[in-house]
Amino acid sequence: MLDVVKSKNETVIRLTDERWAHIIEQHCEMAGRRQEVLEAVEEPDVIYAGSAQELFALKAVDKDKYIVAVYRETASDGFIITAFLTRRLRAFERRKKLWP
């Protein structure tokens, strides 16, 4: 299965089954949260820049817990690299804020 959403830049972002399998293998707490990962890209609370052209889209899921969807945009489309849960918002606040 291939899921597709649009980022805040109106870029089509893909999430493949292969990538999803990698995500839940590395981050078992993400099992069952595929739709929330897609929502984090489509409707994030905040987006930060990465150091290797990746983007970090964060969306609150609990009082102080966030889904982080890491993705990359290219000229034609984009793809999700990984996703995980975090409480460490300060680690991202040191990065360049791209949106809003």
PDB file of N, CA and C in Angstrom:
ATOM      1  N   MET A   1       0.841  -1.180   0.000  1.00  0.00           N
ATOM      2  CA  MET A   1       0.000   0.000   0.000  1.00  0.00           C
ATOM      3  C   MET A   1       0.885   1.243   0.000  1.00  0.00           C
ATOM      4  N   LEU A   2       0.427   2.237  -0.700  1.00  0.00           N
ATOM      5  CA  LEU A   2       1.135   3.499  -0.794  1.00  0.00           C
ATOM      6  C   LEU A   2       0.195   4.596  -0.318  1.00  0.00           C
ATOM      7  N   ASP A   3       0.603   5.330   0.693  1.00  0.00           N
ATOM      8  CA  ASP A   3      -0.177   6.469   1.170  1.00  0.00           C
ATOM      9  C   ASP A   3       0.486   7.742   0.686  1.00  0.00           C
ATOM     10  N   VAL A   4      -0.332   8.715   0.349  1.00  0.00           N
ATOM     11  CA  VAL A   4       0.160   9.982  -0.175  1.00  0.00           C
ATOM     12  C   VAL A   4      -0.575  11.118   0.520  1.00  0.00           C
ATOM     13  N   VAL A   5       0.177  12.127   0.959  1.00  0.00           N
ATOM     14  CA  VAL A   5      -0.398  13.355   1.520  1.00  0.00           C
ATOM     15  C   VAL A   5       0.361  14.537   0.932  1.00  0.00           C
ATOM     16  N   LYS A   6      -0.161  15.734   1.146  1.00  0.00           N
ATOM     17  CA  LYS A   6       0.533  16.939   0.706  1.00  0.00           C
ATOM     18  C   LYS A   6       1.118  17.649   1.911  1.00  0.00           C
ATOM     19  N   SER A   7       2.349  18.092   1.760  1.00  0.00           N
ATOM     20  CA  SER A   7       3.018  18.846   2.818  1.00  0.00           C
ATOM     21  C   SER A   7       2.532  20.291   2.793  1.00  0.00           C
ATOM     22  N   LYS A   8       2.974  21.080   3.746  1.00  0.00           N
ATOM     23  CA  LYS A   8       2.631  22.502   3.790  1.00  0.00           C
ATOM     24  C   LYS A   8       3.154  23.239   2.564  1.00  0.00           C
ATOM     25  N   ASN A   9       4.168  22.688   1.894  1.00  0.00           N
ATOM     26  CA  ASN A   9       4.704  23.277   0.659  1.00  0.00           C
ATOM     27  C   ASN A   9       3.949  22.790  -0.570  1.00  0.00           C
ATOM     28  N   GLU A  10       2.836  22.049  -0.348  1.00  0.00           N
ATOM     29  CA  GLU A  10       2.031  21.484  -1.433  1.00  0.00           C
ATOM     30  C   GLU A  10       2.791  20.421  -2.235  1.00  0.00           C
ATOM     31  N   THR A  11       3.781  19.807  -1.620  1.00  0.00           N
ATOM     32  CA  THR A  11       4.532  18.725  -2.243  1.00  0.00           C
ATOM     33  C   THR A  11       3.890  17.401  -1.865  1.00  0.00           C
ATOM     34  N   VAL A  12       3.729  16.515  -2.837  1.00  0.00           N
ATOM     35  CA  VAL A  12       3.179  15.188  -2.584  1.00  0.00           C
ATOM     36  C   VAL A  12       4.232  14.369  -1.846  1.00  0.00           C
ATOM     37  N   ILE A  13       3.874  13.839  -0.676  1.00  0.00           N
ATOM     38  CA  ILE A  13       4.789  13.054   0.161  1.00  0.00           C
ATOM     39  C   ILE A  13       4.270  11.623   0.231  1.00  0.00           C
ATOM     40  N   ARG A  14       5.151  10.657  -0.069  1.00  0.00           N
ATOM     41  CA  ARG A  14       4.788   9.239  -0.101  1.00  0.00           C
ATOM     42  C   ARG A  14       5.220   8.527   1.180  1.00  0.00           C
ATOM     43  N   LEU A  15       4.407   7.550   1.585  1.00  0.00           N
ATOM     44  CA  LEU A  15       4.773   6.610   2.648  1.00  0.00           C
ATOM     45  C   LEU A  15       4.485   5.208   2.110  1.00  0.00           C
ATOM     46  N   THR A  16       5.542   4.447   1.841  1.00  0.00           N
ATOM     47  CA  THR A  16       5.400   3.101   1.285  1.00  0.00           C
ATOM     48  C   THR A  16       5.325   2.070   2.401  1.00  0.00           C
ATOM     49  N   ASP A  17       4.861   0.886   2.059  1.00  0.00           N
ATOM     50  CA  ASP A  17       4.836  -0.211   3.026  1.00  0.00           C
ATOM     51  C   ASP A  17       6.236  -0.559   3.501  1.00  0.00           C
ATOM     52  N   GLU A  18       7.208  -0.523   2.587  1.00  0.00           N
ATOM     53  CA  GLU A  18       8.603  -0.840   2.959  1.00  0.00           C
ATOM     54  C   GLU A  18       9.096   0.134   4.016  1.00  0.00           C
ATOM     55  N   ARG A  19       8.822   1.410   3.816  1.00  0.00           N
ATOM     56  CA  ARG A  19       9.276   2.425   4.762  1.00  0.00           C
ATOM     57  C   ARG A  19       8.536   2.277   6.081  1.00  0.00           C
ATOM     58  N   TRP A  20       7.226   1.991   6.017  1.00  0.00           N
ATOM     59  CA  TRP A  20       6.450   1.808   7.236  1.00  0.00           C
ATOM     60  C   TRP A  20       6.975   0.622   8.036  1.00  0.00           C
ATOM     61  N   ALA A  21       7.308  -0.467   7.350  1.00  0.00           N
ATOM     62  CA  ALA A  21       7.867  -1.641   8.033  1.00  0.00           C
ATOM     63  C   ALA A  21       9.167  -1.269   8.737  1.00  0.00           C
ATOM     64  N   HIS A  22       9.992  -0.472   8.084  1.00  0.00           N
ATOM     65  CA  HIS A  22      11.241  -0.012   8.700  1.00  0.00           C
ATOM     66  C   HIS A  22      10.951   0.823   9.950  1.00  0.00           C
ATOM     67  N   ILE A  23       9.976   1.714   9.855  1.00  0.00           N
ATOM     68  CA  ILE A  23       9.639   2.587  10.986  1.00  0.00           C
ATOM     69  C   ILE A  23       9.203   1.763  12.191  1.00  0.00           C
ATOM     70  N   ILE A  24       8.267   0.838  12.007  1.00  0.00           N
ATOM     71  CA  ILE A  24       7.763   0.095  13.165  1.00  0.00           C
ATOM     72  C   ILE A  24       8.754  -0.953  13.656  1.00  0.00           C
ATOM     73  N   GLU A  25       9.700  -1.340  12.804  1.00  0.00           N
ATOM     74  CA  GLU A  25      10.764  -2.246  13.258  1.00  0.00           C
ATOM     75  C   GLU A  25      11.738  -1.503  14.171  1.00  0.00           C
ATOM     76  N   GLN A  26      12.054  -0.276  13.818  1.00  0.00           N
ATOM     77  CA  GLN A  26      12.997   0.527  14.601  1.00  0.00           C
ATOM     78  C   GLN A  26      12.339   1.226  15.792  1.00  0.00           C
ATOM     79  N   HIS A  27      11.055   1.511  15.663  1.00  0.00           N
ATOM     80  CA  HIS A  27      10.322   2.263  16.693  1.00  0.00           C
ATOM     81  C   HIS A  27       8.987   1.565  16.934  1.00  0.00           C
ATOM     82  N   CYS A  28       9.005   0.505  17.697  1.00  0.00           N
ATOM     83  CA  CYS A  28       7.816  -0.329  17.889  1.00  0.00           C
ATOM     84  C   CYS A  28       6.633   0.454  18.467  1.00  0.00           C
ATOM     85  N   GLU A  29       6.894   1.541  19.156  1.00  0.00           N
ATOM     86  CA  GLU A  29       5.809   2.356  19.718  1.00  0.00           C
ATOM     87  C   GLU A  29       4.970   3.037  18.621  1.00  0.00           C
ATOM     88  N   MET A  30       5.458   2.996  17.382  1.00  0.00           N
ATOM     89  CA  MET A  30       4.746   3.621  16.275  1.00  0.00           C
ATOM     90  C   MET A  30       3.705   2.695  15.641  1.00  0.00           C
ATOM     91  N   ALA A  31       3.715   1.423  15.987  1.00  0.00           N
ATOM     92  CA  ALA A  31       2.742   0.478  15.416  1.00  0.00           C
ATOM     93  C   ALA A  31       1.331   0.997  15.649  1.00  0.00           C
ATOM     94  N   GLY A  32       0.523   1.004  14.612  1.00  0.00           N
ATOM     95  CA  GLY A  32      -0.842   1.495  14.712  1.00  0.00           C
ATOM     96  C   GLY A  32      -0.986   2.999  14.573  1.00  0.00           C
ATOM     97  N   ARG A  33       0.100   3.689  14.299  1.00  0.00           N
ATOM     98  CA  ARG A  33       0.057   5.152  14.213  1.00  0.00           C
ATOM     99  C   ARG A  33       0.350   5.668  12.799  1.00  0.00           C
ATOM    100  N   ARG A  34       0.166   4.828  11.796  1.00  0.00           N
ATOM    101  CA  ARG A  34       0.467   5.223  10.409  1.00  0.00           C
ATOM    102  C   ARG A  34      -0.308   6.481  10.021  1.00  0.00           C
ATOM    103  N   GLN A  35      -1.602   6.517  10.306  1.00  0.00           N
ATOM    104  CA  GLN A  35      -2.419   7.677   9.942  1.00  0.00           C
ATOM    105  C   GLN A  35      -1.951   8.939  10.669  1.00  0.00           C
ATOM    106  N   GLU A  36      -1.528   8.796  11.907  1.00  0.00           N
ATOM    107  CA  GLU A  36      -1.032   9.958  12.660  1.00  0.00           C
ATOM    108  C   GLU A  36       0.264  10.499  12.068  1.00  0.00           C
ATOM    109  N   VAL A  37       1.105   9.621  11.538  1.00  0.00           N
ATOM    110  CA  VAL A  37       2.338  10.055  10.878  1.00  0.00           C
ATOM    111  C   VAL A  37       1.987  10.871   9.637  1.00  0.00           C
ATOM    112  N   LEU A  38       1.037  10.388   8.850  1.00  0.00           N
ATOM    113  CA  LEU A  38       0.609  11.122   7.657  1.00  0.00           C
ATOM    114  C   LEU A  38       0.008  12.471   8.035  1.00  0.00           C
ATOM    115  N   GLU A  39      -0.771  12.505   9.101  1.00  0.00           N
ATOM    116  CA  GLU A  39      -1.351  13.765   9.571  1.00  0.00           C
ATOM    117  C   GLU A  39      -0.277  14.742  10.040  1.00  0.00           C
ATOM    118  N   ALA A  40       0.795  14.217  10.610  1.00  0.00           N
ATOM    119  CA  ALA A  40       1.886  15.088  11.062  1.00  0.00           C
ATOM    120  C   ALA A  40       2.515  15.821   9.880  1.00  0.00           C
ATOM    121  N   VAL A  41       2.609  15.155   8.741  1.00  0.00           N
ATOM    122  CA  VAL A  41       3.157  15.801   7.536  1.00  0.00           C
ATOM    123  C   VAL A  41       2.149  16.781   6.948  1.00  0.00           C
ATOM    124  N   GLU A  42       0.899  16.365   6.895  1.00  0.00           N
ATOM    125  CA  GLU A  42      -0.135  17.176   6.247  1.00  0.00           C
ATOM    126  C   GLU A  42      -0.579  18.371   7.096  1.00  0.00           C
ATOM    127  N   GLU A  43      -0.701  18.160   8.403  1.00  0.00           N
ATOM    128  CA  GLU A  43      -1.164  19.215   9.318  1.00  0.00           C
ATOM    129  C   GLU A  43      -0.292  19.281  10.569  1.00  0.00           C
ATOM    130  N   PRO A  44       0.982  19.642  10.418  1.00  0.00           N
ATOM    131  CA  PRO A  44       1.877  19.673  11.574  1.00  0.00           C
ATOM    132  C   PRO A  44       1.595  20.863  12.488  1.00  0.00           C
ATOM    133  N   ASP A  45       2.079  20.754  13.710  1.00  0.00           N
ATOM    134  CA  ASP A  45       2.047  21.901  14.619  1.00  0.00           C
ATOM    135  C   ASP A  45       3.218  22.829  14.313  1.00  0.00           C
ATOM    136  N   VAL A  46       4.330  22.232  13.898  1.00  0.00           N
ATOM    137  CA  VAL A  46       5.541  22.982  13.599  1.00  0.00           C
ATOM    138  C   VAL A  46       6.431  22.140  12.676  1.00  0.00           C
ATOM    139  N   ILE A  47       7.234  22.818  11.854  1.00  0.00           N
ATOM    140  CA  ILE A  47       8.203  22.140  10.985  1.00  0.00           C
ATOM    141  C   ILE A  47       9.567  22.774  11.214  1.00  0.00           C
ATOM    142  N   TYR A  48      10.572  21.909  11.410  1.00  0.00           N
ATOM    143  CA  TYR A  48      11.957  22.354  11.581  1.00  0.00           C
ATOM    144  C   TYR A  48      12.819  21.786  10.467  1.00  0.00           C
ATOM    145  N   ALA A  49      13.899  22.493  10.157  1.00  0.00           N
ATOM    146  CA  ALA A  49      14.851  22.043   9.146  1.00  0.00           C
ATOM    147  C   ALA A  49      15.838  21.064   9.758  1.00  0.00           C
ATOM    148  N   GLY A  50      16.218  20.069   8.977  1.00  0.00           N
ATOM    149  CA  GLY A  50      17.261  19.138   9.377  1.00  0.00           C
ATOM    150  C   GLY A  50      18.598  19.600   8.831  1.00  0.00           C
ATOM    151  N   SER A  51      19.639  18.863   9.123  1.00  0.00           N
ATOM    152  CA  SER A  51      20.970  19.250   8.663  1.00  0.00           C
ATOM    153  C   SER A  51      21.341  18.619   7.329  1.00  0.00           C
ATOM    154  N   ALA A  52      20.518  17.691   6.824  1.00  0.00           N
ATOM    155  CA  ALA A  52      20.796  17.018   5.550  1.00  0.00           C
ATOM    156  C   ALA A  52      19.594  17.141   4.612  1.00  0.00           C
ATOM    157  N   GLN A  53      18.982  18.306   4.563  1.00  0.00           N
ATOM    158  CA  GLN A  53      17.841  18.622   3.703  1.00  0.00           C
ATOM    159  C   GLN A  53      16.550  17.883   4.074  1.00  0.00           C
ATOM    160  N   GLU A  54      16.529  17.247   5.222  1.00  0.00           N
ATOM    161  CA  GLU A  54      15.297  16.619   5.666  1.00  0.00           C
ATOM    162  C   GLU A  54      14.485  17.633   6.464  1.00  0.00           C
ATOM    163  N   LEU A  55      13.207  17.353   6.615  1.00  0.00           N
ATOM    164  CA  LEU A  55      12.304  18.204   7.379  1.00  0.00           C
ATOM    165  C   LEU A  55      11.736  17.398   8.529  1.00  0.00           C
ATOM    166  N   PHE A  56      11.535  18.058   9.657  1.00  0.00           N
ATOM    167  CA  PHE A  56      10.953  17.432  10.846  1.00  0.00           C
ATOM    168  C   PHE A  56       9.593  18.067  11.087  1.00  0.00           C
ATOM    169  N   ALA A  57       8.531  17.296  10.866  1.00  0.00           N
ATOM    170  CA  ALA A  57       7.176  17.766  11.133  1.00  0.00           C
ATOM    171  C   ALA A  57       6.739  17.195  12.470  1.00  0.00           C
ATOM    172  N   LEU A  58       6.365  18.055  13.407  1.00  0.00           N
ATOM    173  CA  LEU A  58       5.950  17.620  14.737  1.00  0.00           C
ATOM    174  C   LEU A  58       4.471  17.896  14.936  1.00  0.00           C
ATOM    175  N   LYS A  59       3.812  16.928  15.540  1.00  0.00           N
ATOM    176  CA  LYS A  59       2.387  17.072  15.857  1.00  0.00           C
ATOM    177  C   LYS A  59       2.149  16.495  17.243  1.00  0.00           C
ATOM    178  N   ALA A  60       1.496  17.266  18.099  1.00  0.00           N
ATOM    179  CA  ALA A  60       1.205  16.815  19.455  1.00  0.00           C
ATOM    180  C   ALA A  60       0.176  15.686  19.411  1.00  0.00           C
ATOM    181  N   VAL A  61       0.440  14.637  20.199  1.00  0.00           N
ATOM    182  CA  VAL A  61      -0.508  13.524  20.297  1.00  0.00           C
ATOM    183  C   VAL A  61      -1.006  13.348  21.726  1.00  0.00           C
ATOM    184  N   ASP A  62      -0.272  13.852  22.688  1.00  0.00           N
ATOM    185  CA  ASP A  62      -0.662  13.878  24.097  1.00  0.00           C
ATOM    186  C   ASP A  62      -0.200  15.219  24.651  1.00  0.00           C
ATOM    187  N   LYS A  63      -0.377  15.407  25.952  1.00  0.00           N
ATOM    188  CA  LYS A  63      -0.036  16.696  26.567  1.00  0.00           C
ATOM    189  C   LYS A  63       1.390  17.135  26.224  1.00  0.00           C
ATOM    190  N   ASP A  64       2.368  16.293  26.406  1.00  0.00           N
ATOM    191  CA  ASP A  64       3.750  16.650  26.071  1.00  0.00           C
ATOM    192  C   ASP A  64       4.442  15.503  25.333  1.00  0.00           C
ATOM    193  N   LYS A  65       3.724  14.917  24.391  1.00  0.00           N
ATOM    194  CA  LYS A  65       4.287  13.874  23.538  1.00  0.00           C
ATOM    195  C   LYS A  65       3.969  14.237  22.091  1.00  0.00           C
ATOM    196  N   TYR A  66       4.982  14.096  21.231  1.00  0.00           N
ATOM    197  CA  TYR A  66       4.847  14.493  19.835  1.00  0.00           C
ATOM    198  C   TYR A  66       5.223  13.354  18.901  1.00  0.00           C
ATOM    199  N   ILE A  67       4.515  13.280  17.778  1.00  0.00           N
ATOM    200  CA  ILE A  67       4.961  12.436  16.676  1.00  0.00           C
ATOM    201  C   ILE A  67       5.887  13.305  15.841  1.00  0.00           C
ATOM    202  N   VAL A  68       7.033  12.755  15.497  1.00  0.00           N
ATOM    203  CA  VAL A  68       7.974  13.426  14.616  1.00  0.00           C
ATOM    204  C   VAL A  68       8.012  12.636  13.315  1.00  0.00           C
ATOM    205  N   ALA A  69       7.609  13.266  12.228  1.00  0.00           N
ATOM    206  CA  ALA A  69       7.690  12.656  10.901  1.00  0.00           C
ATOM    207  C   ALA A  69       8.856  13.322  10.180  1.00  0.00           C
ATOM    208  N   VAL A  70       9.839  12.512   9.816  1.00  0.00           N
ATOM    209  CA  VAL A  70      11.029  13.008   9.120  1.00  0.00           C
ATOM    210  C   VAL A  70      10.829  12.701   7.642  1.00  0.00           C
ATOM    211  N   TYR A  71      10.892  13.734   6.820  1.00  0.00           N
ATOM    212  CA  TYR A  71      10.668  13.528   5.394  1.00  0.00           C
ATOM    213  C   TYR A  71      11.559  14.440   4.567  1.00  0.00           C
ATOM    214  N   ARG A  72      11.603  14.144   3.274  1.00  0.00           N
ATOM    215  CA  ARG A  72      12.409  14.937   2.344  1.00  0.00           C
ATOM    216  C   ARG A  72      11.536  15.299   1.159  1.00  0.00           C
ATOM    217  N   GLU A  73      11.692  16.533   0.700  1.00  0.00           N
ATOM    218  CA  GLU A  73      11.001  16.992  -0.492  1.00  0.00           C
ATOM    219  C   GLU A  73      12.009  17.129  -1.625  1.00  0.00           C
ATOM    220  N   THR A  74      11.612  16.667  -2.820  1.00  0.00           N
ATOM    221  CA  THR A  74      12.439  16.833  -4.013  1.00  0.00           C
ATOM    222  C   THR A  74      11.697  17.768  -4.959  1.00  0.00           C
ATOM    223  N   ALA A  75      12.246  17.989  -6.137  1.00  0.00           N
ATOM    224  CA  ALA A  75      11.598  18.880  -7.100  1.00  0.00           C
ATOM    225  C   ALA A  75      10.241  18.338  -7.546  1.00  0.00           C
ATOM    226  N   SER A  76      10.104  17.013  -7.611  1.00  0.00           N
ATOM    227  CA  SER A  76       8.864  16.438  -8.136  1.00  0.00           C
ATOM    228  C   SER A  76       7.922  15.890  -7.062  1.00  0.00           C
ATOM    229  N   ASP A  77       8.470  15.383  -5.965  1.00  0.00           N
ATOM    230  CA  ASP A  77       7.641  14.832  -4.886  1.00  0.00           C
ATOM    231  C   ASP A  77       8.497  14.682  -3.633  1.00  0.00           C
ATOM    232  N   GLY A  78       8.059  13.854  -2.717  1.00  0.00           N
ATOM    233  CA  GLY A  78       8.825  13.648  -1.490  1.00  0.00           C
ATOM    234  C   GLY A  78       8.471  12.324  -0.862  1.00  0.00           C
ATOM    235  N   PHE A  79       9.155  12.014   0.230  1.00  0.00           N
ATOM    236  CA  PHE A  79       8.949  10.722   0.882  1.00  0.00           C
ATOM    237  C   PHE A  79       9.274  10.822   2.359  1.00  0.00           C
ATOM    238  N   ILE A  80       8.598   9.986   3.141  1.00  0.00           N
ATOM    239  CA  ILE A  80       8.856   9.914   4.568  1.00  0.00           C
ATOM    240  C   ILE A  80      10.056   9.008   4.795  1.00  0.00           C
ATOM    241  N   ILE A  81      10.995   9.466   5.599  1.00  0.00           N
ATOM    242  CA  ILE A  81      12.212   8.725   5.907  1.00  0.00           C
ATOM    243  C   ILE A  81      11.991   7.852   7.137  1.00  0.00           C
ATOM    244  N   THR A  82      11.495   8.476   8.197  1.00  0.00           N
ATOM    245  CA  THR A  82      11.229   7.753   9.442  1.00  0.00           C
ATOM    246  C   THR A  82      10.238   8.553  10.274  1.00  0.00           C
ATOM    247  N   ALA A  83       9.837   7.982  11.378  1.00  0.00           N
ATOM    248  CA  ALA A  83       8.935   8.662  12.312  1.00  0.00           C
ATOM    249  C   ALA A  83       9.130   8.054  13.692  1.00  0.00           C
ATOM    250  N   PHE A  84       8.915   8.870  14.723  1.00  0.00           N
ATOM    251  CA  PHE A  84       9.073   8.405  16.091  1.00  0.00           C
ATOM    252  C   PHE A  84       8.322   9.316  17.041  1.00  0.00           C
ATOM    253  N   LEU A  85       8.189   8.882  18.277  1.00  0.00           N
ATOM    254  CA  LEU A  85       7.576   9.682  19.330  1.00  0.00           C
ATOM    255  C   LEU A  85       8.664  10.334  20.169  1.00  0.00           C
ATOM    256  N   THR A  86       8.398  11.526  20.653  1.00  0.00           N
ATOM    257  CA  THR A  86       9.359  12.192  21.531  1.00  0.00           C
ATOM    258  C   THR A  86       8.629  13.096  22.515  1.00  0.00           C
ATOM    259  N   ARG A  87       9.289  13.343  23.622  1.00  0.00           N
ATOM    260  CA  ARG A  87       8.864  14.354  24.593  1.00  0.00           C
ATOM    261  C   ARG A  87       9.876  15.500  24.605  1.00  0.00           C
ATOM    262  N   ARG A  88      10.957  15.326  23.894  1.00  0.00           N
ATOM    263  CA  ARG A  88      12.083  16.262  23.930  1.00  0.00           C
ATOM    264  C   ARG A  88      11.940  17.350  22.869  1.00  0.00           C
ATOM    265  N   LEU A  89      11.009  18.244  23.071  1.00  0.00           N
ATOM    266  CA  LEU A  89      10.764  19.322  22.134  1.00  0.00           C
ATOM    267  C   LEU A  89      11.949  20.280  22.045  1.00  0.00           C
ATOM    268  N   ARG A  90      12.638  20.472  23.139  1.00  0.00           N
ATOM    269  CA  ARG A  90      13.783  21.403  23.158  1.00  0.00           C
ATOM    270  C   ARG A  90      14.876  21.015  22.168  1.00  0.00           C
ATOM    271  N   ALA A  91      15.036  19.727  21.927  1.00  0.00           N
ATOM    272  CA  ALA A  91      16.050  19.269  20.964  1.00  0.00           C
ATOM    273  C   ALA A  91      15.747  19.794  19.561  1.00  0.00           C
ATOM    274  N   PHE A  92      14.482  20.012  19.251  1.00  0.00           N
ATOM    275  CA  PHE A  92      14.111  20.518  17.933  1.00  0.00           C
ATOM    276  C   PHE A  92      14.091  22.040  17.899  1.00  0.00           C
ATOM    277  N   GLU A  93      13.818  22.657  19.019  1.00  0.00           N
ATOM    278  CA  GLU A  93      13.725  24.113  19.059  1.00  0.00           C
ATOM    279  C   GLU A  93      15.053  24.801  18.753  1.00  0.00           C
ATOM    280  N   ARG A  94      16.145  24.062  18.820  1.00  0.00           N
ATOM    281  CA  ARG A  94      17.457  24.624  18.461  1.00  0.00           C
ATOM    282  C   ARG A  94      17.649  24.694  16.944  1.00  0.00           C
ATOM    283  N   ARG A  95      16.807  24.000  16.210  1.00  0.00           N
ATOM    284  CA  ARG A  95      16.883  23.975  14.755  1.00  0.00           C
ATOM    285  C   ARG A  95      16.152  25.179  14.164  1.00  0.00           C
ATOM    286  N   LYS A  96      16.372  25.408  12.885  1.00  0.00           N
ATOM    287  CA  LYS A  96      15.692  26.493  12.187  1.00  0.00           C
ATOM    288  C   LYS A  96      14.221  26.132  11.998  1.00  0.00           C
ATOM    289  N   LYS A  97      13.355  26.999  12.463  1.00  0.00           N
ATOM    290  CA  LYS A  97      11.905  26.790  12.349  1.00  0.00           C
ATOM    291  C   LYS A  97      11.469  27.263  10.963  1.00  0.00           C
ATOM    292  N   LEU A  98      10.815  26.356  10.216  1.00  0.00           N
ATOM    293  CA  LEU A  98      10.378  26.678   8.861  1.00  0.00           C
ATOM    294  C   LEU A  98       8.905  27.031   8.771  1.00  0.00           C
ATOM    295  N   TRP A  99       8.103  26.475   9.669  1.00  0.00           N
ATOM    296  CA  TRP A  99       6.663  26.742   9.649  1.00  0.00           C
ATOM    297  C   TRP A  99       6.121  26.548  11.047  1.00  0.00           C
ATOM    298  N   PRO A 100       5.186  27.262  11.542  1.00  0.00           N
ATOM    299  CA  PRO A 100       4.604  28.464  10.949  1.00  0.00           C
ATOM    300  C   PRO A 100       5.523  29.660  11.094  1.00  0.00           C
TER     301      PRO A 100
END
